[in-house]
Amino acid sequence: MTGETWVPTACTLPTAEQPLRVAEFDVLFATAVRPAERTGPTTLLVHLPADAVSTIRDLVARETACCSFFSFDVRATHSGTDVLVRVPEQHVAVLDALSERAESARANTAP
């Protein structure tokens, strides 16, 4: 990871743009309708509102383009939109940091 963010060194996004991308994830995570769930060592399930689906799809497409090791499965549910994030074992530390960031962003907006 680079600097104080969860951005992995394998990321091809220019360094100057990385804090902006992290901020985009923070904004999205702040809208989570339930806590993120670690469904396995290499998977994280994030529960987001239904009206965020276009934002989610745009962000995960751009993230996959620069960090190809990420896999995102976006699915509509009865309560919103679920995003299952997967990484290979060698990137579990990145998923750990992403999970912490998701919970932090959500906690900072909880009533």
PDB file of N, CA and C in Angstrom:
ATOM      1  N   MET A   1       0.839  -1.173   0.000  1.00  0.00           N
ATOM      2  CA  MET A   1       0.000   0.000   0.000  1.00  0.00           C
ATOM      3  C   MET A   1       0.883   1.234   0.000  1.00  0.00           C
ATOM      4  N   THR A   2       0.324   2.298  -0.503  1.00  0.00           N
ATOM      5  CA  THR A   2       1.097   3.515  -0.582  1.00  0.00           C
ATOM      6  C   THR A   2       0.623   4.513   0.457  1.00  0.00           C
ATOM      7  N   GLY A   3       1.557   5.252   1.022  1.00  0.00           N
ATOM      8  CA  GLY A   3       1.218   6.308   1.957  1.00  0.00           C
ATOM      9  C   GLY A   3       0.342   5.842   3.093  1.00  0.00           C
ATOM     10  N   GLU A   4      -0.625   6.677   3.482  1.00  0.00           N
ATOM     11  CA  GLU A   4      -1.515   6.371   4.594  1.00  0.00           C
ATOM     12  C   GLU A   4      -2.852   5.853   4.119  1.00  0.00           C
ATOM     13  N   THR A   5      -2.949   5.441   2.864  1.00  0.00           N
ATOM     14  CA  THR A   5      -4.207   4.964   2.326  1.00  0.00           C
ATOM     15  C   THR A   5      -4.153   3.454   2.144  1.00  0.00           C
ATOM     16  N   TRP A   6      -5.255   2.897   1.722  1.00  0.00           N
ATOM     17  CA  TRP A   6      -5.309   1.462   1.470  1.00  0.00           C
ATOM     18  C   TRP A   6      -4.951   1.140   0.024  1.00  0.00           C
ATOM     19  N   VAL A   7      -4.510   2.129  -0.719  1.00  0.00           N
ATOM     20  CA  VAL A   7      -4.168   1.921  -2.131  1.00  0.00           C
ATOM     21  C   VAL A   7      -2.959   0.999  -2.231  1.00  0.00           C
ATOM     22  N   PRO A   8      -3.095  -0.132  -2.931  1.00  0.00           N
ATOM     23  CA  PRO A   8      -1.974  -1.065  -3.064  1.00  0.00           C
ATOM     24  C   PRO A   8      -0.930  -0.558  -4.054  1.00  0.00           C
ATOM     25  N   THR A   9       0.292  -1.016  -3.882  1.00  0.00           N
ATOM     26  CA  THR A   9       1.355  -0.615  -4.799  1.00  0.00           C
ATOM     27  C   THR A   9       1.107  -1.144  -6.210  1.00  0.00           C
ATOM     28  N   ALA A  10       0.288  -2.177  -6.362  1.00  0.00           N
ATOM     29  CA  ALA A  10      -0.038  -2.730  -7.678  1.00  0.00           C
ATOM     30  C   ALA A  10      -0.995  -1.840  -8.473  1.00  0.00           C
ATOM     31  N   CYS A  11      -1.524  -0.825  -7.841  1.00  0.00           N
ATOM     32  CA  CYS A  11      -2.479   0.070  -8.495  1.00  0.00           C
ATOM     33  C   CYS A  11      -1.783   0.902  -9.564  1.00  0.00           C
ATOM     34  N   THR A  12      -2.405   0.994 -10.749  1.00  0.00           N
ATOM     35  CA  THR A  12      -1.830   1.781 -11.841  1.00  0.00           C
ATOM     36  C   THR A  12      -2.435   3.182 -11.931  1.00  0.00           C
ATOM     37  N   LEU A  13      -3.334   3.523 -11.021  1.00  0.00           N
ATOM     38  CA  LEU A  13      -3.896   4.869 -10.991  1.00  0.00           C
ATOM     39  C   LEU A  13      -2.788   5.849 -10.624  1.00  0.00           C
ATOM     40  N   PRO A  14      -2.654   6.948 -11.349  1.00  0.00           N
ATOM     41  CA  PRO A  14      -1.602   7.905 -11.005  1.00  0.00           C
ATOM     42  C   PRO A  14      -1.686   8.337  -9.536  1.00  0.00           C
ATOM     43  N   THR A  15      -0.548   8.455  -8.910  1.00  0.00           N
ATOM     44  CA  THR A  15      -0.467   8.768  -7.483  1.00  0.00           C
ATOM     45  C   THR A  15      -1.298   9.993  -7.114  1.00  0.00           C
ATOM     46  N   ALA A  16      -1.276  11.012  -7.937  1.00  0.00           N
ATOM     47  CA  ALA A  16      -2.019  12.242  -7.640  1.00  0.00           C
ATOM     48  C   ALA A  16      -3.531  12.005  -7.613  1.00  0.00           C
ATOM     49  N   GLU A  17      -4.006  10.996  -8.323  1.00  0.00           N
ATOM     50  CA  GLU A  17      -5.440  10.707  -8.379  1.00  0.00           C
ATOM     51  C   GLU A  17      -5.899   9.743  -7.284  1.00  0.00           C
ATOM     52  N   GLN A  18      -4.971   9.061  -6.635  1.00  0.00           N
ATOM     53  CA  GLN A  18      -5.337   8.057  -5.637  1.00  0.00           C
ATOM     54  C   GLN A  18      -6.150   8.617  -4.469  1.00  0.00           C
ATOM     55  N   PRO A  19      -5.788   9.763  -3.888  1.00  0.00           N
ATOM     56  CA  PRO A  19      -6.615  10.286  -2.788  1.00  0.00           C
ATOM     57  C   PRO A  19      -8.041  10.617  -3.232  1.00  0.00           C
ATOM     58  N   LEU A  20      -8.206  11.021  -4.474  1.00  0.00           N
ATOM     59  CA  LEU A  20      -9.544  11.317  -4.985  1.00  0.00           C
ATOM     60  C   LEU A  20     -10.380  10.045  -5.082  1.00  0.00           C
ATOM     61  N   ARG A  21      -9.753   8.964  -5.519  1.00  0.00           N
ATOM     62  CA  ARG A  21     -10.464   7.679  -5.611  1.00  0.00           C
ATOM     63  C   ARG A  21     -10.829   7.174  -4.218  1.00  0.00           C
ATOM     64  N   VAL A  22      -9.913   7.288  -3.286  1.00  0.00           N
ATOM     65  CA  VAL A  22     -10.190   6.879  -1.908  1.00  0.00           C
ATOM     66  C   VAL A  22     -11.379   7.673  -1.371  1.00  0.00           C
ATOM     67  N   ALA A  23     -11.411   8.970  -1.658  1.00  0.00           N
ATOM     68  CA  ALA A  23     -12.515   9.819  -1.209  1.00  0.00           C
ATOM     69  C   ALA A  23     -13.842   9.368  -1.831  1.00  0.00           C
ATOM     70  N   GLU A  24     -13.809   8.933  -3.091  1.00  0.00           N
ATOM     71  CA  GLU A  24     -15.026   8.431  -3.735  1.00  0.00           C
ATOM     72  C   GLU A  24     -15.550   7.197  -3.011  1.00  0.00           C
ATOM     73  N   PHE A  25     -14.644   6.292  -2.645  1.00  0.00           N
ATOM     74  CA  PHE A  25     -15.063   5.116  -1.884  1.00  0.00           C
ATOM     75  C   PHE A  25     -15.604   5.520  -0.523  1.00  0.00           C
ATOM     76  N   ASP A  26     -14.972   6.474   0.137  1.00  0.00           N
ATOM     77  CA  ASP A  26     -15.450   6.931   1.440  1.00  0.00           C
ATOM     78  C   ASP A  26     -16.879   7.463   1.352  1.00  0.00           C
ATOM     79  N   VAL A  27     -17.152   8.266   0.326  1.00  0.00           N
ATOM     80  CA  VAL A  27     -18.505   8.813   0.131  1.00  0.00           C
ATOM     81  C   VAL A  27     -19.502   7.679  -0.092  1.00  0.00           C
ATOM     82  N   LEU A  28     -19.135   6.716  -0.919  1.00  0.00           N
ATOM     83  CA  LEU A  28     -20.009   5.580  -1.184  1.00  0.00           C
ATOM     84  C   LEU A  28     -20.219   4.746   0.078  1.00  0.00           C
ATOM     85  N   PHE A  29     -19.151   4.445   0.789  1.00  0.00           N
ATOM     86  CA  PHE A  29     -19.263   3.651   2.019  1.00  0.00           C
ATOM     87  C   PHE A  29     -20.112   4.345   3.077  1.00  0.00           C
ATOM     88  N   ALA A  30     -20.105   5.660   3.097  1.00  0.00           N
ATOM     89  CA  ALA A  30     -20.890   6.404   4.073  1.00  0.00           C
ATOM     90  C   ALA A  30     -22.388   6.203   3.867  1.00  0.00           C
ATOM     91  N   THR A  31     -22.792   5.750   2.669  1.00  0.00           N
ATOM     92  CA  THR A  31     -24.215   5.528   2.383  1.00  0.00           C
ATOM     93  C   THR A  31     -24.656   4.104   2.709  1.00  0.00           C
ATOM     94  N   ALA A  32     -23.746   3.275   3.181  1.00  0.00           N
ATOM     95  CA  ALA A  32     -24.068   1.865   3.443  1.00  0.00           C
ATOM     96  C   ALA A  32     -25.303   1.739   4.334  1.00  0.00           C
ATOM     97  N   VAL A  33     -26.173   0.808   3.976  1.00  0.00           N
ATOM     98  CA  VAL A  33     -27.413   0.617   4.727  1.00  0.00           C
ATOM     99  C   VAL A  33     -27.252  -0.376   5.884  1.00  0.00           C
ATOM    100  N   ARG A  34     -26.180  -1.150   5.852  1.00  0.00           N
ATOM    101  CA  ARG A  34     -25.858  -2.094   6.939  1.00  0.00           C
ATOM    102  C   ARG A  34     -24.345  -2.218   6.996  1.00  0.00           C
ATOM    103  N   PRO A  35     -23.820  -2.724   8.097  1.00  0.00           N
ATOM    104  CA  PRO A  35     -22.364  -2.918   8.175  1.00  0.00           C
ATOM    105  C   PRO A  35     -21.863  -3.882   7.095  1.00  0.00           C
ATOM    106  N   ALA A  36     -20.658  -3.642   6.635  1.00  0.00           N
ATOM    107  CA  ALA A  36     -20.021  -4.556   5.689  1.00  0.00           C
ATOM    108  C   ALA A  36     -19.772  -5.883   6.396  1.00  0.00           C
ATOM    109  N   GLU A  37     -19.807  -6.962   5.635  1.00  0.00           N
ATOM    110  CA  GLU A  37     -19.610  -8.301   6.197  1.00  0.00           C
ATOM    111  C   GLU A  37     -18.407  -8.962   5.537  1.00  0.00           C
ATOM    112  N   ARG A  38     -17.529  -9.468   6.349  1.00  0.00           N
ATOM    113  CA  ARG A  38     -16.406 -10.255   5.831  1.00  0.00           C
ATOM    114  C   ARG A  38     -16.931 -11.666   5.666  1.00  0.00           C
ATOM    115  N   THR A  39     -17.199 -12.073   4.432  1.00  0.00           N
ATOM    116  CA  THR A  39     -17.799 -13.384   4.171  1.00  0.00           C
ATOM    117  C   THR A  39     -16.764 -14.480   3.995  1.00  0.00           C
ATOM    118  N   GLY A  40     -15.503 -14.100   3.964  1.00  0.00           N
ATOM    119  CA  GLY A  40     -14.398 -15.040   3.853  1.00  0.00           C
ATOM    120  C   GLY A  40     -13.106 -14.261   3.915  1.00  0.00           C
ATOM    121  N   PRO A  41     -11.979 -14.936   3.977  1.00  0.00           N
ATOM    122  CA  PRO A  41     -10.693 -14.243   4.079  1.00  0.00           C
ATOM    123  C   PRO A  41     -10.414 -13.306   2.904  1.00  0.00           C
ATOM    124  N   THR A  42     -10.973 -13.630   1.734  1.00  0.00           N
ATOM    125  CA  THR A  42     -10.685 -12.820   0.545  1.00  0.00           C
ATOM    126  C   THR A  42     -11.932 -12.140  -0.020  1.00  0.00           C
ATOM    127  N   THR A  43     -13.010 -12.087   0.761  1.00  0.00           N
ATOM    128  CA  THR A  43     -14.249 -11.474   0.277  1.00  0.00           C
ATOM    129  C   THR A  43     -14.857 -10.537   1.320  1.00  0.00           C
ATOM    130  N   LEU A  44     -15.461  -9.480   0.810  1.00  0.00           N
ATOM    131  CA  LEU A  44     -16.134  -8.490   1.636  1.00  0.00           C
ATOM    132  C   LEU A  44     -17.457  -8.151   0.960  1.00  0.00           C
ATOM    133  N   LEU A  45     -18.542  -8.153   1.728  1.00  0.00           N
ATOM    134  CA  LEU A  45     -19.863  -7.823   1.216  1.00  0.00           C
ATOM    135  C   LEU A  45     -20.271  -6.467   1.782  1.00  0.00           C
ATOM    136  N   VAL A  46     -20.535  -5.528   0.873  1.00  0.00           N
ATOM    137  CA  VAL A  46     -20.927  -4.178   1.265  1.00  0.00           C
ATOM    138  C   VAL A  46     -22.376  -3.967   0.831  1.00  0.00           C
ATOM    139  N   HIS A  47     -23.200  -3.480   1.758  1.00  0.00           N
ATOM    140  CA  HIS A  47     -24.625  -3.270   1.505  1.00  0.00           C
ATOM    141  C   HIS A  47     -24.875  -1.777   1.288  1.00  0.00           C
ATOM    142  N   LEU A  48     -25.286  -1.428   0.071  1.00  0.00           N
ATOM    143  CA  LEU A  48     -25.470  -0.027  -0.306  1.00  0.00           C
ATOM    144  C   LEU A  48     -26.909   0.208  -0.755  1.00  0.00           C
ATOM    145  N   PRO A  49     -27.335   1.464  -0.794  1.00  0.00           N
ATOM    146  CA  PRO A  49     -28.712   1.743  -1.206  1.00  0.00           C
ATOM    147  C   PRO A  49     -28.943   1.472  -2.691  1.00  0.00           C
ATOM    148  N   ALA A  50     -30.184   1.184  -3.036  1.00  0.00           N
ATOM    149  CA  ALA A  50     -30.543   0.880  -4.426  1.00  0.00           C
ATOM    150  C   ALA A  50     -30.267   2.047  -5.352  1.00  0.00           C
ATOM    151  N   ASP A  51     -30.452   3.261  -4.884  1.00  0.00           N
ATOM    152  CA  ASP A  51     -30.275   4.416  -5.766  1.00  0.00           C
ATOM    153  C   ASP A  51     -28.809   4.726  -6.059  1.00  0.00           C
ATOM    154  N   ALA A  52     -27.898   3.968  -5.486  1.00  0.00           N
ATOM    155  CA  ALA A  52     -26.461   4.193  -5.717  1.00  0.00           C
ATOM    156  C   ALA A  52     -25.902   3.292  -6.812  1.00  0.00           C
ATOM    157  N   VAL A  53     -26.741   2.495  -7.452  1.00  0.00           N
ATOM    158  CA  VAL A  53     -26.237   1.479  -8.375  1.00  0.00           C
ATOM    159  C   VAL A  53     -25.424   2.064  -9.531  1.00  0.00           C
ATOM    160  N   SER A  54     -25.830   3.174 -10.110  1.00  0.00           N
ATOM    161  CA  SER A  54     -25.049   3.722 -11.226  1.00  0.00           C
ATOM    162  C   SER A  54     -23.701   4.243 -10.736  1.00  0.00           C
ATOM    163  N   THR A  55     -23.671   4.849  -9.566  1.00  0.00           N
ATOM    164  CA  THR A  55     -22.415   5.311  -8.968  1.00  0.00           C
ATOM    165  C   THR A  55     -21.510   4.125  -8.683  1.00  0.00           C
ATOM    166  N   ILE A  56     -22.096   3.065  -8.136  1.00  0.00           N
ATOM    167  CA  ILE A  56     -21.340   1.855  -7.815  1.00  0.00           C
ATOM    168  C   ILE A  56     -20.721   1.266  -9.079  1.00  0.00           C
ATOM    169  N   ARG A  57     -21.523   1.087 -10.097  1.00  0.00           N
ATOM    170  CA  ARG A  57     -21.032   0.474 -11.340  1.00  0.00           C
ATOM    171  C   ARG A  57     -19.915   1.311 -11.967  1.00  0.00           C
ATOM    172  N   ASP A  58     -20.073   2.620 -11.964  1.00  0.00           N
ATOM    173  CA  ASP A  58     -19.040   3.496 -12.516  1.00  0.00           C
ATOM    174  C   ASP A  58     -17.744   3.379 -11.713  1.00  0.00           C
ATOM    175  N   LEU A  59     -17.858   3.438 -10.395  1.00  0.00           N
ATOM    176  CA  LEU A  59     -16.671   3.391  -9.539  1.00  0.00           C
ATOM    177  C   LEU A  59     -15.960   2.040  -9.630  1.00  0.00           C
ATOM    178  N   VAL A  60     -16.699   0.949  -9.603  1.00  0.00           N
ATOM    179  CA  VAL A  60     -16.036  -0.357  -9.659  1.00  0.00           C
ATOM    180  C   VAL A  60     -15.418  -0.611 -11.035  1.00  0.00           C
ATOM    181  N   ALA A  61     -16.014  -0.072 -12.089  1.00  0.00           N
ATOM    182  CA  ALA A  61     -15.411  -0.213 -13.426  1.00  0.00           C
ATOM    183  C   ALA A  61     -14.070   0.513 -13.469  1.00  0.00           C
ATOM    184  N   ARG A  62     -14.032   1.717 -12.932  1.00  0.00           N
ATOM    185  CA  ARG A  62     -12.781   2.474 -12.923  1.00  0.00           C
ATOM    186  C   ARG A  62     -11.751   1.832 -11.998  1.00  0.00           C
ATOM    187  N   GLU A  63     -12.206   1.289 -10.885  1.00  0.00           N
ATOM    188  CA  GLU A  63     -11.275   0.652  -9.945  1.00  0.00           C
ATOM    189  C   GLU A  63     -10.692  -0.625 -10.525  1.00  0.00           C
ATOM    190  N   THR A  64     -11.503  -1.413 -11.193  1.00  0.00           N
ATOM    191  CA  THR A  64     -11.026  -2.639 -11.817  1.00  0.00           C
ATOM    192  C   THR A  64     -10.014  -2.333 -12.920  1.00  0.00           C
ATOM    193  N   ALA A  65     -10.176  -1.201 -13.585  1.00  0.00           N
ATOM    194  CA  ALA A  65      -9.251  -0.819 -14.654  1.00  0.00           C
ATOM    195  C   ALA A  65      -7.845  -0.531 -14.118  1.00  0.00           C
ATOM    196  N   CYS A  66      -7.741  -0.007 -12.902  1.00  0.00           N
ATOM    197  CA  CYS A  66      -6.410   0.323 -12.374  1.00  0.00           C
ATOM    198  C   CYS A  66      -5.904  -0.712 -11.380  1.00  0.00           C
ATOM    199  N   CYS A  67      -6.791  -1.464 -10.786  1.00  0.00           N
ATOM    200  CA  CYS A  67      -6.409  -2.514  -9.821  1.00  0.00           C
ATOM    201  C   CYS A  67      -7.099  -3.799 -10.263  1.00  0.00           C
ATOM    202  N   SER A  68      -6.529  -4.432 -11.272  1.00  0.00           N
ATOM    203  CA  SER A  68      -7.185  -5.574 -11.910  1.00  0.00           C
ATOM    204  C   SER A  68      -7.335  -6.784 -10.998  1.00  0.00           C
ATOM    205  N   PHE A  69      -6.660  -6.781  -9.854  1.00  0.00           N
ATOM    206  CA  PHE A  69      -6.802  -7.919  -8.939  1.00  0.00           C
ATOM    207  C   PHE A  69      -8.139  -7.892  -8.203  1.00  0.00           C
ATOM    208  N   PHE A  70      -8.811  -6.736  -8.168  1.00  0.00           N
ATOM    209  CA  PHE A  70     -10.127  -6.655  -7.536  1.00  0.00           C
ATOM    210  C   PHE A  70     -11.167  -7.295  -8.432  1.00  0.00           C
ATOM    211  N   SER A  71     -12.142  -7.958  -7.815  1.00  0.00           N
ATOM    212  CA  SER A  71     -13.311  -8.456  -8.512  1.00  0.00           C
ATOM    213  C   SER A  71     -14.518  -7.920  -7.756  1.00  0.00           C
ATOM    214  N   PHE A  72     -15.441  -7.305  -8.483  1.00  0.00           N
ATOM    215  CA  PHE A  72     -16.642  -6.743  -7.880  1.00  0.00           C
ATOM    216  C   PHE A  72     -17.862  -7.396  -8.499  1.00  0.00           C
ATOM    217  N   ASP A  73     -18.764  -7.886  -7.662  1.00  0.00           N
ATOM    218  CA  ASP A  73     -20.028  -8.455  -8.120  1.00  0.00           C
ATOM    219  C   ASP A  73     -21.128  -7.561  -7.549  1.00  0.00           C
ATOM    220  N   VAL A  74     -21.815  -6.821  -8.410  1.00  0.00           N
ATOM    221  CA  VAL A  74     -22.856  -5.879  -7.996  1.00  0.00           C
ATOM    222  C   VAL A  74     -24.211  -6.519  -8.251  1.00  0.00           C
ATOM    223  N   ARG A  75     -25.027  -6.598  -7.191  1.00  0.00           N
ATOM    224  CA  ARG A  75     -26.335  -7.249  -7.315  1.00  0.00           C
ATOM    225  C   ARG A  75     -27.415  -6.451  -6.610  1.00  0.00           C
ATOM    226  N   ALA A  76     -28.561  -6.329  -7.288  1.00  0.00           N
ATOM    227  CA  ALA A  76     -29.729  -5.708  -6.668  1.00  0.00           C
ATOM    228  C   ALA A  76     -30.330  -6.707  -5.681  1.00  0.00           C
ATOM    229  N   THR A  77     -30.758  -6.210  -4.533  1.00  0.00           N
ATOM    230  CA  THR A  77     -31.426  -7.041  -3.532  1.00  0.00           C
ATOM    231  C   THR A  77     -32.750  -6.375  -3.164  1.00  0.00           C
ATOM    232  N   HIS A  78     -33.535  -7.044  -2.324  1.00  0.00           N
ATOM    233  CA  HIS A  78     -34.806  -6.446  -1.888  1.00  0.00           C
ATOM    234  C   HIS A  78     -34.594  -5.204  -1.025  1.00  0.00           C
ATOM    235  N   SER A  79     -33.399  -5.059  -0.443  1.00  0.00           N
ATOM    236  CA  SER A  79     -33.145  -3.915   0.439  1.00  0.00           C
ATOM    237  C   SER A  79     -32.145  -2.910  -0.114  1.00  0.00           C
ATOM    238  N   GLY A  80     -31.665  -3.115  -1.344  1.00  0.00           N
ATOM    239  CA  GLY A  80     -30.704  -2.176  -1.907  1.00  0.00           C
ATOM    240  C   GLY A  80     -29.813  -2.824  -2.945  1.00  0.00           C
ATOM    241  N   THR A  81     -28.529  -2.532  -2.839  1.00  0.00           N
ATOM    242  CA  THR A  81     -27.533  -3.076  -3.766  1.00  0.00           C
ATOM    243  C   THR A  81     -26.395  -3.665  -2.958  1.00  0.00           C
ATOM    244  N   ASP A  82     -26.078  -4.910  -3.203  1.00  0.00           N
ATOM    245  CA  ASP A  82     -24.948  -5.557  -2.540  1.00  0.00           C
ATOM    246  C   ASP A  82     -23.761  -5.588  -3.494  1.00  0.00           C
ATOM    247  N   VAL A  83     -22.589  -5.326  -2.933  1.00  0.00           N
ATOM    248  CA  VAL A  83     -21.353  -5.402  -3.703  1.00  0.00           C
ATOM    249  C   VAL A  83     -20.447  -6.404  -3.002  1.00  0.00           C
ATOM    250  N   LEU A  84     -20.148  -7.490  -3.691  1.00  0.00           N
ATOM    251  CA  LEU A  84     -19.221  -8.476  -3.169  1.00  0.00           C
ATOM    252  C   LEU A  84     -17.851  -8.177  -3.774  1.00  0.00           C
ATOM    253  N   VAL A  85     -16.897  -7.877  -2.903  1.00  0.00           N
ATOM    254  CA  VAL A  85     -15.538  -7.536  -3.331  1.00  0.00           C
ATOM    255  C   VAL A  85     -14.653  -8.743  -3.066  1.00  0.00           C
ATOM    256  N   ARG A  86     -13.914  -9.163  -4.079  1.00  0.00           N
ATOM    257  CA  ARG A  86     -12.990 -10.299  -3.929  1.00  0.00           C
ATOM    258  C   ARG A  86     -11.588  -9.862  -4.311  1.00  0.00           C
ATOM    259  N   VAL A  87     -10.616 -10.446  -3.610  1.00  0.00           N
ATOM    260  CA  VAL A  87      -9.205 -10.225  -3.949  1.00  0.00           C
ATOM    261  C   VAL A  87      -8.476 -11.558  -3.846  1.00  0.00           C
ATOM    262  N   PRO A  88      -7.354 -11.718  -4.544  1.00  0.00           N
ATOM    263  CA  PRO A  88      -6.532 -12.916  -4.358  1.00  0.00           C
ATOM    264  C   PRO A  88      -5.870 -12.859  -2.980  1.00  0.00           C
ATOM    265  N   GLU A  89      -5.443 -14.007  -2.493  1.00  0.00           N
ATOM    266  CA  GLU A  89      -4.852 -14.093  -1.153  1.00  0.00           C
ATOM    267  C   GLU A  89      -3.723 -13.104  -0.915  1.00  0.00           C
ATOM    268  N   GLN A  90      -2.907 -12.839  -1.931  1.00  0.00           N
ATOM    269  CA  GLN A  90      -1.775 -11.930  -1.730  1.00  0.00           C
ATOM    270  C   GLN A  90      -2.211 -10.482  -1.508  1.00  0.00           C
ATOM    271  N   HIS A  91      -3.502 -10.183  -1.704  1.00  0.00           N
ATOM    272  CA  HIS A  91      -4.007  -8.821  -1.499  1.00  0.00           C
ATOM    273  C   HIS A  91      -5.006  -8.740  -0.345  1.00  0.00           C
ATOM    274  N   VAL A  92      -4.969  -9.697   0.564  1.00  0.00           N
ATOM    275  CA  VAL A  92      -5.879  -9.687   1.713  1.00  0.00           C
ATOM    276  C   VAL A  92      -5.674  -8.440   2.561  1.00  0.00           C
ATOM    277  N   ALA A  93      -4.458  -7.954   2.693  1.00  0.00           N
ATOM    278  CA  ALA A  93      -4.204  -6.740   3.484  1.00  0.00           C
ATOM    279  C   ALA A  93      -4.936  -5.540   2.881  1.00  0.00           C
ATOM    280  N   VAL A  94      -5.052  -5.502   1.566  1.00  0.00           N
ATOM    281  CA  VAL A  94      -5.788  -4.420   0.910  1.00  0.00           C
ATOM    282  C   VAL A  94      -7.271  -4.530   1.249  1.00  0.00           C
ATOM    283  N   LEU A  95      -7.798  -5.758   1.224  1.00  0.00           N
ATOM    284  CA  LEU A  95      -9.204  -5.964   1.576  1.00  0.00           C
ATOM    285  C   LEU A  95      -9.444  -5.640   3.044  1.00  0.00           C
ATOM    286  N   ASP A  96      -8.503  -5.986   3.912  1.00  0.00           N
ATOM    287  CA  ASP A  96      -8.616  -5.627   5.331  1.00  0.00           C
ATOM    288  C   ASP A  96      -8.754  -4.115   5.488  1.00  0.00           C
ATOM    289  N   ALA A  97      -7.897  -3.385   4.806  1.00  0.00           N
ATOM    290  CA  ALA A  97      -7.918  -1.921   4.892  1.00  0.00           C
ATOM    291  C   ALA A  97      -9.203  -1.360   4.288  1.00  0.00           C
ATOM    292  N   LEU A  98      -9.666  -1.947   3.192  1.00  0.00           N
ATOM    293  CA  LEU A  98     -10.917  -1.512   2.573  1.00  0.00           C
ATOM    294  C   LEU A  98     -12.084  -1.733   3.525  1.00  0.00           C
ATOM    295  N   SER A  99     -12.097  -2.876   4.189  1.00  0.00           N
ATOM    296  CA  SER A  99     -13.141  -3.188   5.154  1.00  0.00           C
ATOM    297  C   SER A  99     -13.145  -2.187   6.310  1.00  0.00           C
ATOM    298  N   GLU A 100     -11.972  -1.886   6.831  1.00  0.00           N
ATOM    299  CA  GLU A 100     -11.862  -0.902   7.916  1.00  0.00           C
ATOM    300  C   GLU A 100     -12.345   0.463   7.452  1.00  0.00           C
ATOM    301  N   ARG A 101     -11.996   0.825   6.241  1.00  0.00           N
ATOM    302  CA  ARG A 101     -12.392   2.118   5.691  1.00  0.00           C
ATOM    303  C   ARG A 101     -13.908   2.175   5.532  1.00  0.00           C
ATOM    304  N   ALA A 102     -14.512   1.086   5.064  1.00  0.00           N
ATOM    305  CA  ALA A 102     -15.954   1.026   4.889  1.00  0.00           C
ATOM    306  C   ALA A 102     -16.665   1.219   6.222  1.00  0.00           C
ATOM    307  N   GLU A 103     -16.194   0.554   7.247  1.00  0.00           N
ATOM    308  CA  GLU A 103     -16.823   0.680   8.560  1.00  0.00           C
ATOM    309  C   GLU A 103     -16.617   2.054   9.164  1.00  0.00           C
ATOM    310  N   SER A 104     -15.448   2.613   8.971  1.00  0.00           N
ATOM    311  CA  SER A 104     -15.161   3.944   9.480  1.00  0.00           C
ATOM    312  C   SER A 104     -16.060   4.987   8.830  1.00  0.00           C
ATOM    313  N   ALA A 105     -16.201   4.922   7.511  1.00  0.00           N
ATOM    314  CA  ALA A 105     -17.043   5.872   6.797  1.00  0.00           C
ATOM    315  C   ALA A 105     -18.496   5.741   7.227  1.00  0.00           C
ATOM    316  N   ARG A 106     -18.957   4.520   7.376  1.00  0.00           N
ATOM    317  CA  ARG A 106     -20.341   4.275   7.797  1.00  0.00           C
ATOM    318  C   ARG A 106     -20.550   4.758   9.225  1.00  0.00           C
ATOM    319  N   ALA A 107     -19.617   4.471  10.103  1.00  0.00           N
ATOM    320  CA  ALA A 107     -19.740   4.865  11.512  1.00  0.00           C
ATOM    321  C   ALA A 107     -19.752   6.388  11.674  1.00  0.00           C
ATOM    322  N   ASN A 108     -19.018   7.071  10.824  1.00  0.00           N
ATOM    323  CA  ASN A 108     -18.943   8.528  10.912  1.00  0.00           C
ATOM    324  C   ASN A 108     -20.219   9.213  10.453  1.00  0.00           C
ATOM    325  N   THR A 109     -21.125   8.471   9.807  1.00  0.00           N
ATOM    326  CA  THR A 109     -22.393   9.071   9.355  1.00  0.00           C
ATOM    327  C   THR A 109     -23.591   8.485  10.083  1.00  0.00           C
ATOM    328  N   ALA A 110     -23.366   7.498  10.948  1.00  0.00           N
ATOM    329  CA  ALA A 110     -24.474   6.875  11.674  1.00  0.00           C
ATOM    330  C   ALA A 110     -25.072   7.882  12.665  1.00  0.00           C
ATOM    331  N   PRO A 111     -26.399   7.842  12.837  1.00  0.00           N
ATOM    332  CA  PRO A 111     -27.036   8.798  13.761  1.00  0.00           C
ATOM    333  C   PRO A 111     -26.651   8.580  15.202  1.00  0.00           C
TER     334      PRO A 111
END
